[in-house]
Each structure stands twice: as structure tokens, then as C-alpha cells.
Amino acid sequence: MSETRHGPMVHARLVPGGENSGKLVTLVRNQARSVAETRGLPLVIVDGPPGIGCPVIASLAGADLVLAVTEPTCSGRQDLERVASLVAHFRIPLAVCVNKADLNGEVAAAIEGWCRARGIAGAGRIPYASEFLDAQEQARSIVELNGGAGQAAQAVREVWGRVRVALEDGR
């Protein structure tokens, strides 16, 4: 576990090229819930891996909401469709964010249309922006960079606002 300026982060260390497992995800997720309970923290955010395998299934256990982050590519859409099917199987509400949305506006719009047609909430779009690299280089989040004044920071805040509302509505 690490302490960050925003609170605790429970994580595991994998060797490069090493495989993740559902058991490892479950162990980390359970430890995070224990830390949250002990400290009176109202929310645990699980950053699940891509795909639909055992680690993804383990990351969904007990989730109140899934935020799927996709990119506007054919493979991104196909991956989203598989994840949406998996999430629907477990009857967990789903919201979708299109990352780097401006790289292919046509595919981004098609993804959003696909979501609307299936009643999947749109969490928003995040643009491709060099500000993300600047923030990483400064060990900051995008909303901390330049006082959070950039377009990318605003987009992230808007996505978080929609996610927060979806979580509050679901409780």
C-alpha cells in the first residue's frame, strides 16, 4: 500500500510480462475495501485491466458502477462491446468515456451512438492533449496542472462529475 496526497492506494507489483490473475485482483480489492472501512472512506475505485478475462471479472465483484474507458478505434469499439456484454451479464450499471476522442471523431460518435442505442450512459469525452504528458512529467494529475485551466482538465472534471452523479443515483 502507498500513501498519496489524495489518500491511500492499494496495489500489487507484477514483473514485466508477468500475468495478472483474478486471485491477485481479489486480494488487492479486498485489502482496499478493508482500508476504506478502517479509515471511513466512502469510495473504493478499482482500476481494472483491459479485456474480459479472470482479472477483469474479479475487478467487477461488488462494483456499484463500471466506467469503461475506450478509444475511438475499431479495436477499442470491439473491446467495449465485449466488456459491455460482460458487465450486463453481472447486471452492473455501465458508463462509457471516450479517451482521445478527437483522434477519430467519426468513430467516437459511432461509439456514443452505439451506447445510446443500448441505454448505456455516456460519461463524456477526453481529448488527446500533450498536457497529460506535462502532468506526468511533473508527477501531477491533469487537474492540478496549470490550476486545472486546460481543456483536458475540464473534460476530466466533467467525466468525474457524471460518474459521481451515477454513483450517487445508484446508492
N, C-alpha and C. Protein backbone atom coordinates (compact mmCIF):
# COMPACT_ATOMS: atom_id res chain seq x y z
N MET A 1 0.84 -1.17 0.00
CA MET A 1 0.00 0.00 0.00
C MET A 1 0.89 1.24 0.00
N SER A 2 0.45 2.25 -0.71
CA SER A 2 1.16 3.53 -0.75
C SER A 2 0.22 4.63 -0.27
N GLU A 3 0.81 5.65 0.32
CA GLU A 3 0.04 6.84 0.68
C GLU A 3 0.30 7.88 -0.40
N THR A 4 -0.76 8.44 -0.94
CA THR A 4 -0.63 9.51 -1.93
C THR A 4 -1.20 10.78 -1.33
N ARG A 5 -1.00 11.89 -2.00
CA ARG A 5 -1.55 13.14 -1.49
C ARG A 5 -3.07 13.16 -1.57
N HIS A 6 -3.66 12.19 -2.26
CA HIS A 6 -5.11 12.10 -2.37
C HIS A 6 -5.70 10.98 -1.53
N GLY A 7 -4.85 10.23 -0.83
CA GLY A 7 -5.33 9.13 0.00
C GLY A 7 -4.57 7.86 -0.29
N PRO A 8 -4.98 6.77 0.35
CA PRO A 8 -4.25 5.51 0.17
C PRO A 8 -4.49 4.89 -1.20
N MET A 9 -3.46 4.19 -1.69
CA MET A 9 -3.58 3.42 -2.92
C MET A 9 -3.07 2.01 -2.64
N VAL A 10 -3.95 1.06 -2.81
CA VAL A 10 -3.59 -0.34 -2.61
C VAL A 10 -3.26 -0.92 -3.98
N HIS A 11 -2.13 -1.58 -4.08
CA HIS A 11 -1.68 -2.07 -5.38
C HIS A 11 -0.80 -3.29 -5.19
N ALA A 12 -0.49 -3.93 -6.31
CA ALA A 12 0.43 -5.07 -6.31
C ALA A 12 1.52 -4.78 -7.32
N ARG A 13 2.60 -5.48 -7.20
CA ARG A 13 3.71 -5.31 -8.14
C ARG A 13 3.82 -6.58 -8.97
N LEU A 14 3.79 -6.40 -10.27
CA LEU A 14 3.96 -7.51 -11.20
C LEU A 14 5.30 -7.36 -11.90
N VAL A 15 5.92 -8.47 -12.22
CA VAL A 15 7.15 -8.40 -13.00
C VAL A 15 6.78 -8.08 -14.45
N PRO A 16 7.64 -7.38 -15.18
CA PRO A 16 7.34 -7.08 -16.57
C PRO A 16 7.03 -8.36 -17.35
N GLY A 17 5.91 -8.34 -18.03
CA GLY A 17 5.49 -9.51 -18.80
C GLY A 17 4.80 -10.56 -17.97
N GLY A 18 4.74 -10.36 -16.65
CA GLY A 18 4.08 -11.32 -15.77
C GLY A 18 2.57 -11.25 -15.93
N GLU A 19 1.94 -12.34 -15.62
CA GLU A 19 0.49 -12.40 -15.78
C GLU A 19 -0.22 -11.94 -14.53
N ASN A 20 -1.30 -11.23 -14.75
CA ASN A 20 -2.20 -10.83 -13.69
C ASN A 20 -3.14 -12.02 -13.45
N SER A 21 -3.76 -12.08 -12.29
CA SER A 21 -4.70 -13.16 -12.03
C SER A 21 -5.89 -12.62 -11.28
N GLY A 22 -7.00 -13.33 -11.41
CA GLY A 22 -8.19 -12.96 -10.66
C GLY A 22 -7.96 -13.02 -9.16
N LYS A 23 -7.15 -13.98 -8.72
CA LYS A 23 -6.86 -14.09 -7.28
C LYS A 23 -6.11 -12.87 -6.78
N LEU A 24 -5.16 -12.39 -7.56
CA LEU A 24 -4.40 -11.20 -7.16
C LEU A 24 -5.32 -9.98 -7.10
N VAL A 25 -6.16 -9.81 -8.11
CA VAL A 25 -7.09 -8.68 -8.13
C VAL A 25 -8.01 -8.75 -6.92
N THR A 26 -8.51 -9.93 -6.60
CA THR A 26 -9.40 -10.10 -5.45
C THR A 26 -8.68 -9.74 -4.16
N LEU A 27 -7.44 -10.18 -4.01
CA LEU A 27 -6.66 -9.86 -2.82
C LEU A 27 -6.48 -8.35 -2.66
N VAL A 28 -6.10 -7.68 -3.73
CA VAL A 28 -5.88 -6.23 -3.69
C VAL A 28 -7.20 -5.50 -3.43
N ARG A 29 -8.25 -5.91 -4.12
CA ARG A 29 -9.57 -5.27 -3.94
C ARG A 29 -10.05 -5.42 -2.51
N ASN A 30 -9.92 -6.61 -1.94
CA ASN A 30 -10.36 -6.83 -0.56
C ASN A 30 -9.54 -6.01 0.43
N GLN A 31 -8.24 -5.89 0.19
CA GLN A 31 -7.41 -5.06 1.06
C GLN A 31 -7.84 -3.59 0.96
N ALA A 32 -8.15 -3.14 -0.25
CA ALA A 32 -8.60 -1.75 -0.44
C ALA A 32 -9.91 -1.51 0.31
N ARG A 33 -10.81 -2.45 0.25
CA ARG A 33 -12.08 -2.29 0.98
C ARG A 33 -11.85 -2.24 2.48
N SER A 34 -10.93 -3.06 2.96
CA SER A 34 -10.61 -3.06 4.38
C SER A 34 -10.02 -1.71 4.81
N VAL A 35 -9.11 -1.18 4.01
CA VAL A 35 -8.51 0.13 4.30
C VAL A 35 -9.59 1.21 4.30
N ALA A 36 -10.46 1.18 3.31
CA ALA A 36 -11.53 2.17 3.22
C ALA A 36 -12.45 2.10 4.44
N GLU A 37 -12.78 0.90 4.85
CA GLU A 37 -13.66 0.72 6.01
C GLU A 37 -12.98 1.24 7.28
N THR A 38 -11.72 0.88 7.47
CA THR A 38 -10.97 1.29 8.65
C THR A 38 -10.85 2.82 8.73
N ARG A 39 -10.64 3.45 7.58
CA ARG A 39 -10.42 4.90 7.56
C ARG A 39 -11.70 5.71 7.32
N GLY A 40 -12.81 5.01 7.17
CA GLY A 40 -14.07 5.72 6.93
C GLY A 40 -14.15 6.38 5.57
N LEU A 41 -13.51 5.78 4.58
CA LEU A 41 -13.53 6.34 3.23
C LEU A 41 -14.75 5.80 2.48
N PRO A 42 -15.51 6.66 1.82
CA PRO A 42 -16.77 6.24 1.22
C PRO A 42 -16.66 5.53 -0.12
N LEU A 43 -15.48 5.53 -0.73
CA LEU A 43 -15.38 5.05 -2.10
C LEU A 43 -14.09 4.28 -2.32
N VAL A 44 -14.21 3.16 -3.03
CA VAL A 44 -13.04 2.40 -3.49
C VAL A 44 -13.12 2.38 -5.01
N ILE A 45 -12.08 2.85 -5.65
CA ILE A 45 -12.01 2.83 -7.11
C ILE A 45 -11.05 1.72 -7.51
N VAL A 46 -11.54 0.79 -8.31
CA VAL A 46 -10.73 -0.33 -8.78
C VAL A 46 -10.41 -0.06 -10.25
N ASP A 47 -9.14 0.03 -10.57
CA ASP A 47 -8.70 0.22 -11.95
C ASP A 47 -8.47 -1.16 -12.54
N GLY A 48 -9.46 -1.64 -13.27
CA GLY A 48 -9.39 -2.98 -13.82
C GLY A 48 -8.56 -3.04 -15.08
N PRO A 49 -8.06 -4.21 -15.41
CA PRO A 49 -7.25 -4.38 -16.62
C PRO A 49 -8.14 -4.42 -17.86
N PRO A 50 -7.54 -4.27 -19.03
CA PRO A 50 -8.33 -4.40 -20.26
C PRO A 50 -8.70 -5.86 -20.50
N GLY A 51 -9.69 -6.06 -21.35
CA GLY A 51 -10.09 -7.41 -21.73
C GLY A 51 -11.33 -7.88 -21.01
N ILE A 52 -11.54 -9.21 -21.03
CA ILE A 52 -12.71 -9.79 -20.37
C ILE A 52 -12.34 -11.05 -19.59
N GLY A 53 -11.07 -11.24 -19.29
CA GLY A 53 -10.61 -12.44 -18.60
C GLY A 53 -10.85 -12.41 -17.11
N CYS A 54 -10.26 -13.38 -16.42
CA CYS A 54 -10.45 -13.53 -14.98
C CYS A 54 -10.10 -12.28 -14.17
N PRO A 55 -9.01 -11.57 -14.46
CA PRO A 55 -8.73 -10.36 -13.69
C PRO A 55 -9.83 -9.30 -13.83
N VAL A 56 -10.41 -9.19 -15.02
CA VAL A 56 -11.49 -8.23 -15.22
C VAL A 56 -12.72 -8.66 -14.42
N ILE A 57 -13.06 -9.92 -14.51
CA ILE A 57 -14.22 -10.42 -13.76
C ILE A 57 -14.02 -10.19 -12.27
N ALA A 58 -12.82 -10.45 -11.77
CA ALA A 58 -12.53 -10.24 -10.35
C ALA A 58 -12.64 -8.76 -9.98
N SER A 59 -12.25 -7.88 -10.89
CA SER A 59 -12.33 -6.44 -10.59
C SER A 59 -13.77 -5.95 -10.54
N LEU A 60 -14.69 -6.67 -11.16
CA LEU A 60 -16.10 -6.27 -11.17
C LEU A 60 -16.86 -6.67 -9.90
N ALA A 61 -16.33 -7.62 -9.16
CA ALA A 61 -17.06 -8.14 -7.99
C ALA A 61 -17.39 -7.02 -7.01
N GLY A 62 -18.66 -6.88 -6.71
CA GLY A 62 -19.10 -5.89 -5.74
C GLY A 62 -19.14 -4.46 -6.27
N ALA A 63 -18.94 -4.27 -7.57
CA ALA A 63 -18.91 -2.92 -8.13
C ALA A 63 -20.31 -2.32 -8.17
N ASP A 64 -20.39 -1.02 -7.87
CA ASP A 64 -21.64 -0.27 -7.99
C ASP A 64 -21.81 0.32 -9.38
N LEU A 65 -20.69 0.51 -10.07
CA LEU A 65 -20.68 1.12 -11.39
C LEU A 65 -19.39 0.74 -12.09
N VAL A 66 -19.47 0.53 -13.39
CA VAL A 66 -18.27 0.31 -14.20
C VAL A 66 -18.13 1.49 -15.15
N LEU A 67 -16.96 2.10 -15.13
CA LEU A 67 -16.62 3.13 -16.10
C LEU A 67 -15.67 2.49 -17.11
N ALA A 68 -16.17 2.27 -18.31
CA ALA A 68 -15.33 1.72 -19.37
C ALA A 68 -14.72 2.89 -20.14
N VAL A 69 -13.41 2.89 -20.24
CA VAL A 69 -12.70 3.93 -20.98
C VAL A 69 -12.21 3.28 -22.27
N THR A 70 -12.66 3.83 -23.38
CA THR A 70 -12.30 3.28 -24.68
C THR A 70 -11.68 4.36 -25.54
N GLU A 71 -11.09 3.96 -26.64
CA GLU A 71 -10.54 4.91 -27.59
C GLU A 71 -11.26 4.75 -28.92
N PRO A 72 -11.30 5.80 -29.72
CA PRO A 72 -12.08 5.77 -30.96
C PRO A 72 -11.38 5.03 -32.10
N THR A 73 -11.25 3.73 -31.89
CA THR A 73 -10.67 2.85 -32.90
C THR A 73 -11.59 1.65 -33.06
N CYS A 74 -11.42 0.92 -34.14
CA CYS A 74 -12.25 -0.28 -34.35
C CYS A 74 -12.01 -1.29 -33.23
N SER A 75 -10.75 -1.50 -32.86
CA SER A 75 -10.47 -2.46 -31.78
C SER A 75 -11.00 -1.94 -30.45
N GLY A 76 -10.94 -0.62 -30.22
CA GLY A 76 -11.50 -0.05 -29.00
C GLY A 76 -12.99 -0.32 -28.90
N ARG A 77 -13.69 -0.14 -30.00
CA ARG A 77 -15.13 -0.40 -30.00
C ARG A 77 -15.42 -1.88 -29.77
N GLN A 78 -14.68 -2.75 -30.43
CA GLN A 78 -14.90 -4.19 -30.24
C GLN A 78 -14.65 -4.60 -28.79
N ASP A 79 -13.59 -4.08 -28.20
CA ASP A 79 -13.31 -4.37 -26.79
C ASP A 79 -14.43 -3.85 -25.90
N LEU A 80 -14.92 -2.65 -26.19
CA LEU A 80 -16.02 -2.08 -25.42
C LEU A 80 -17.26 -2.96 -25.52
N GLU A 81 -17.58 -3.45 -26.70
CA GLU A 81 -18.75 -4.30 -26.87
C GLU A 81 -18.63 -5.57 -26.02
N ARG A 82 -17.44 -6.15 -25.97
CA ARG A 82 -17.25 -7.35 -25.15
C ARG A 82 -17.38 -7.02 -23.66
N VAL A 83 -16.78 -5.91 -23.24
CA VAL A 83 -16.87 -5.51 -21.83
C VAL A 83 -18.32 -5.19 -21.46
N ALA A 84 -19.03 -4.51 -22.35
CA ALA A 84 -20.43 -4.17 -22.09
C ALA A 84 -21.27 -5.43 -21.91
N SER A 85 -20.99 -6.45 -22.72
CA SER A 85 -21.71 -7.72 -22.59
C SER A 85 -21.41 -8.38 -21.24
N LEU A 86 -20.14 -8.35 -20.85
CA LEU A 86 -19.74 -8.93 -19.56
C LEU A 86 -20.39 -8.19 -18.40
N VAL A 87 -20.36 -6.88 -18.45
CA VAL A 87 -20.94 -6.06 -17.38
C VAL A 87 -22.45 -6.27 -17.31
N ALA A 88 -23.11 -6.38 -18.47
CA ALA A 88 -24.55 -6.64 -18.49
C ALA A 88 -24.87 -7.99 -17.86
N HIS A 89 -24.01 -8.97 -18.11
CA HIS A 89 -24.21 -10.30 -17.51
C HIS A 89 -24.26 -10.21 -15.98
N PHE A 90 -23.41 -9.36 -15.41
CA PHE A 90 -23.37 -9.21 -13.96
C PHE A 90 -24.33 -8.13 -13.45
N ARG A 91 -25.08 -7.55 -14.37
CA ARG A 91 -26.10 -6.53 -14.03
C ARG A 91 -25.52 -5.35 -13.24
N ILE A 92 -24.41 -4.85 -13.72
CA ILE A 92 -23.76 -3.69 -13.11
C ILE A 92 -23.98 -2.50 -14.05
N PRO A 93 -24.38 -1.36 -13.53
CA PRO A 93 -24.52 -0.18 -14.40
C PRO A 93 -23.19 0.15 -15.08
N LEU A 94 -23.29 0.62 -16.31
CA LEU A 94 -22.11 0.92 -17.12
C LEU A 94 -22.17 2.34 -17.64
N ALA A 95 -21.06 3.03 -17.57
CA ALA A 95 -20.89 4.34 -18.21
C ALA A 95 -19.64 4.25 -19.08
N VAL A 96 -19.64 5.00 -20.16
CA VAL A 96 -18.53 4.92 -21.11
C VAL A 96 -17.91 6.30 -21.33
N CYS A 97 -16.60 6.34 -21.29
CA CYS A 97 -15.82 7.54 -21.57
C CYS A 97 -14.97 7.24 -22.81
N VAL A 98 -14.99 8.16 -23.77
CA VAL A 98 -14.15 8.01 -24.96
C VAL A 98 -12.90 8.86 -24.74
N ASN A 99 -11.78 8.18 -24.58
CA ASN A 99 -10.48 8.83 -24.39
C ASN A 99 -9.86 9.13 -25.76
N LYS A 100 -9.14 10.22 -25.85
CA LYS A 100 -8.51 10.64 -27.12
C LYS A 100 -9.57 10.76 -28.21
N ALA A 101 -10.74 11.25 -27.81
CA ALA A 101 -11.91 11.26 -28.69
C ALA A 101 -11.68 12.04 -29.98
N ASP A 102 -10.86 13.06 -29.92
CA ASP A 102 -10.65 13.89 -31.10
C ASP A 102 -9.72 13.26 -32.15
N LEU A 103 -9.14 12.11 -31.85
CA LEU A 103 -8.29 11.45 -32.85
C LEU A 103 -9.11 10.88 -34.00
N ASN A 104 -10.36 10.49 -33.71
CA ASN A 104 -11.24 10.00 -34.76
C ASN A 104 -12.68 10.30 -34.34
N GLY A 105 -13.12 11.51 -34.66
CA GLY A 105 -14.45 11.96 -34.26
C GLY A 105 -15.57 11.08 -34.78
N GLU A 106 -15.40 10.53 -35.98
CA GLU A 106 -16.43 9.69 -36.57
C GLU A 106 -16.62 8.41 -35.76
N VAL A 107 -15.53 7.76 -35.40
CA VAL A 107 -15.63 6.53 -34.61
C VAL A 107 -16.09 6.86 -33.19
N ALA A 108 -15.64 7.98 -32.63
CA ALA A 108 -16.10 8.39 -31.30
C ALA A 108 -17.62 8.57 -31.30
N ALA A 109 -18.14 9.23 -32.33
CA ALA A 109 -19.59 9.43 -32.44
C ALA A 109 -20.32 8.10 -32.62
N ALA A 110 -19.73 7.19 -33.38
CA ALA A 110 -20.34 5.86 -33.57
C ALA A 110 -20.39 5.10 -32.25
N ILE A 111 -19.34 5.19 -31.45
CA ILE A 111 -19.32 4.53 -30.14
C ILE A 111 -20.41 5.13 -29.26
N GLU A 112 -20.51 6.44 -29.23
CA GLU A 112 -21.54 7.09 -28.41
C GLU A 112 -22.93 6.72 -28.88
N GLY A 113 -23.14 6.63 -30.20
CA GLY A 113 -24.43 6.21 -30.73
C GLY A 113 -24.76 4.78 -30.35
N TRP A 114 -23.76 3.91 -30.42
CA TRP A 114 -23.94 2.52 -30.02
C TRP A 114 -24.37 2.45 -28.55
N CYS A 115 -23.72 3.25 -27.71
CA CYS A 115 -24.07 3.28 -26.28
C CYS A 115 -25.50 3.77 -26.08
N ARG A 116 -25.86 4.87 -26.72
CA ARG A 116 -27.22 5.41 -26.57
C ARG A 116 -28.26 4.38 -26.98
N ALA A 117 -28.02 3.68 -28.08
CA ALA A 117 -28.97 2.68 -28.57
C ALA A 117 -29.18 1.55 -27.58
N ARG A 118 -28.22 1.34 -26.69
CA ARG A 118 -28.31 0.26 -25.71
C ARG A 118 -28.59 0.77 -24.30
N GLY A 119 -28.85 2.05 -24.18
CA GLY A 119 -29.15 2.62 -22.87
C GLY A 119 -27.94 2.72 -21.95
N ILE A 120 -26.76 2.76 -22.53
CA ILE A 120 -25.52 2.87 -21.75
C ILE A 120 -25.19 4.35 -21.59
N ALA A 121 -24.95 4.75 -20.36
CA ALA A 121 -24.68 6.16 -20.08
C ALA A 121 -23.36 6.61 -20.68
N GLY A 122 -23.37 7.78 -21.25
CA GLY A 122 -22.14 8.39 -21.72
C GLY A 122 -21.53 9.23 -20.61
N ALA A 123 -20.28 8.96 -20.27
CA ALA A 123 -19.61 9.73 -19.22
C ALA A 123 -18.90 10.94 -19.80
N GLY A 124 -18.67 10.93 -21.11
CA GLY A 124 -18.04 12.07 -21.74
C GLY A 124 -16.87 11.70 -22.62
N ARG A 125 -16.23 12.74 -23.11
CA ARG A 125 -15.07 12.61 -24.00
C ARG A 125 -13.88 13.31 -23.36
N ILE A 126 -12.73 12.71 -23.54
CA ILE A 126 -11.47 13.33 -23.11
C ILE A 126 -10.62 13.50 -24.36
N PRO A 127 -10.11 14.71 -24.60
CA PRO A 127 -9.32 14.93 -25.81
C PRO A 127 -7.90 14.38 -25.68
N TYR A 128 -7.29 14.16 -26.81
CA TYR A 128 -5.86 13.86 -26.84
C TYR A 128 -5.15 15.19 -26.59
N ALA A 129 -4.30 15.24 -25.59
CA ALA A 129 -3.65 16.51 -25.25
C ALA A 129 -2.26 16.27 -24.69
N SER A 130 -1.32 17.09 -25.13
CA SER A 130 0.05 16.98 -24.62
C SER A 130 0.12 17.34 -23.14
N GLU A 131 -0.92 17.99 -22.63
CA GLU A 131 -0.96 18.34 -21.20
C GLU A 131 -0.85 17.10 -20.31
N PHE A 132 -1.34 15.97 -20.78
CA PHE A 132 -1.24 14.75 -19.98
C PHE A 132 0.22 14.37 -19.75
N LEU A 133 1.03 14.50 -20.80
CA LEU A 133 2.47 14.21 -20.65
C LEU A 133 3.11 15.22 -19.71
N ASP A 134 2.75 16.48 -19.84
CA ASP A 134 3.29 17.51 -18.95
C ASP A 134 2.95 17.19 -17.50
N ALA A 135 1.71 16.79 -17.26
CA ALA A 135 1.29 16.46 -15.90
C ALA A 135 2.08 15.26 -15.37
N GLN A 136 2.25 14.23 -16.20
CA GLN A 136 3.03 13.06 -15.78
C GLN A 136 4.45 13.45 -15.43
N GLU A 137 5.06 14.26 -16.27
CA GLU A 137 6.45 14.68 -16.03
C GLU A 137 6.59 15.45 -14.72
N GLN A 138 5.52 16.12 -14.30
CA GLN A 138 5.55 16.89 -13.06
C GLN A 138 4.96 16.11 -11.88
N ALA A 139 4.65 14.83 -12.10
CA ALA A 139 4.05 13.97 -11.07
C ALA A 139 2.79 14.61 -10.49
N ARG A 140 1.95 15.11 -11.39
CA ARG A 140 0.68 15.73 -11.00
C ARG A 140 -0.44 15.11 -11.82
N SER A 141 -1.65 15.30 -11.35
CA SER A 141 -2.79 14.90 -12.16
C SER A 141 -3.10 16.04 -13.13
N ILE A 142 -3.84 15.75 -14.15
CA ILE A 142 -4.15 16.75 -15.17
C ILE A 142 -4.91 17.93 -14.56
N VAL A 143 -5.73 17.69 -13.55
CA VAL A 143 -6.50 18.79 -12.95
C VAL A 143 -5.65 19.66 -12.03
N GLU A 144 -4.44 19.21 -11.71
CA GLU A 144 -3.51 20.01 -10.90
C GLU A 144 -2.59 20.86 -11.77
N LEU A 145 -2.49 20.52 -13.03
CA LEU A 145 -1.58 21.21 -13.93
C LEU A 145 -2.15 22.58 -14.29
N ASN A 146 -1.35 23.61 -14.17
CA ASN A 146 -1.76 24.98 -14.54
C ASN A 146 -3.09 25.38 -13.90
N GLY A 147 -3.27 24.98 -12.66
CA GLY A 147 -4.50 25.34 -11.95
C GLY A 147 -5.74 24.67 -12.51
N GLY A 148 -5.55 23.62 -13.30
CA GLY A 148 -6.69 22.90 -13.86
C GLY A 148 -7.43 23.67 -14.93
N ALA A 149 -6.74 24.62 -15.57
CA ALA A 149 -7.41 25.52 -16.51
C ALA A 149 -7.54 24.96 -17.92
N GLY A 150 -6.84 23.91 -18.25
CA GLY A 150 -6.84 23.41 -19.62
C GLY A 150 -8.11 22.67 -20.01
N GLN A 151 -8.27 22.51 -21.32
CA GLN A 151 -9.43 21.80 -21.87
C GLN A 151 -9.47 20.34 -21.40
N ALA A 152 -8.31 19.70 -21.36
CA ALA A 152 -8.26 18.30 -20.92
C ALA A 152 -8.67 18.18 -19.46
N ALA A 153 -8.20 19.10 -18.62
CA ALA A 153 -8.57 19.08 -17.20
C ALA A 153 -10.07 19.26 -17.04
N GLN A 154 -10.64 20.18 -17.82
CA GLN A 154 -12.09 20.40 -17.75
C GLN A 154 -12.85 19.14 -18.17
N ALA A 155 -12.37 18.48 -19.21
CA ALA A 155 -13.03 17.25 -19.67
C ALA A 155 -12.98 16.17 -18.59
N VAL A 156 -11.84 16.03 -17.92
CA VAL A 156 -11.71 15.02 -16.86
C VAL A 156 -12.66 15.37 -15.71
N ARG A 157 -12.74 16.65 -15.33
CA ARG A 157 -13.66 17.05 -14.26
C ARG A 157 -15.10 16.74 -14.65
N GLU A 158 -15.46 16.98 -15.91
CA GLU A 158 -16.83 16.69 -16.36
C GLU A 158 -17.13 15.20 -16.31
N VAL A 159 -16.18 14.38 -16.74
CA VAL A 159 -16.37 12.92 -16.67
C VAL A 159 -16.55 12.51 -15.22
N TRP A 160 -15.67 13.00 -14.34
CA TRP A 160 -15.78 12.64 -12.92
C TRP A 160 -17.13 13.10 -12.35
N GLY A 161 -17.59 14.27 -12.73
CA GLY A 161 -18.90 14.75 -12.26
C GLY A 161 -20.02 13.80 -12.66
N ARG A 162 -20.00 13.32 -13.89
CA ARG A 162 -21.03 12.38 -14.35
C ARG A 162 -20.92 11.04 -13.62
N VAL A 163 -19.70 10.59 -13.40
CA VAL A 163 -19.50 9.33 -12.67
C VAL A 163 -20.02 9.48 -11.24
N ARG A 164 -19.69 10.58 -10.60
CA ARG A 164 -20.13 10.81 -9.22
C ARG A 164 -21.65 10.83 -9.13
N VAL A 165 -22.31 11.50 -10.07
CA VAL A 165 -23.78 11.52 -10.09
C VAL A 165 -24.33 10.11 -10.29
N ALA A 166 -23.73 9.35 -11.20
CA ALA A 166 -24.19 7.97 -11.44
C ALA A 166 -24.04 7.12 -10.18
N LEU A 167 -22.94 7.30 -9.46
CA LEU A 167 -22.74 6.56 -8.21
C LEU A 167 -23.77 6.97 -7.16
N GLU A 168 -24.02 8.26 -7.03
CA GLU A 168 -24.98 8.74 -6.04
C GLU A 168 -26.39 8.28 -6.38
N ASP A 169 -26.73 8.27 -7.67
CA ASP A 169 -28.06 7.81 -8.09
C ASP A 169 -28.25 6.33 -7.84
N GLY A 170 -27.15 5.58 -7.89
CA GLY A 170 -27.23 4.13 -7.71
C GLY A 170 -27.26 3.68 -6.27
N ARG A 171 -26.98 4.58 -5.34
CA ARG A 171 -26.92 4.19 -3.93
C ARG A 171 -28.22 4.40 -3.24
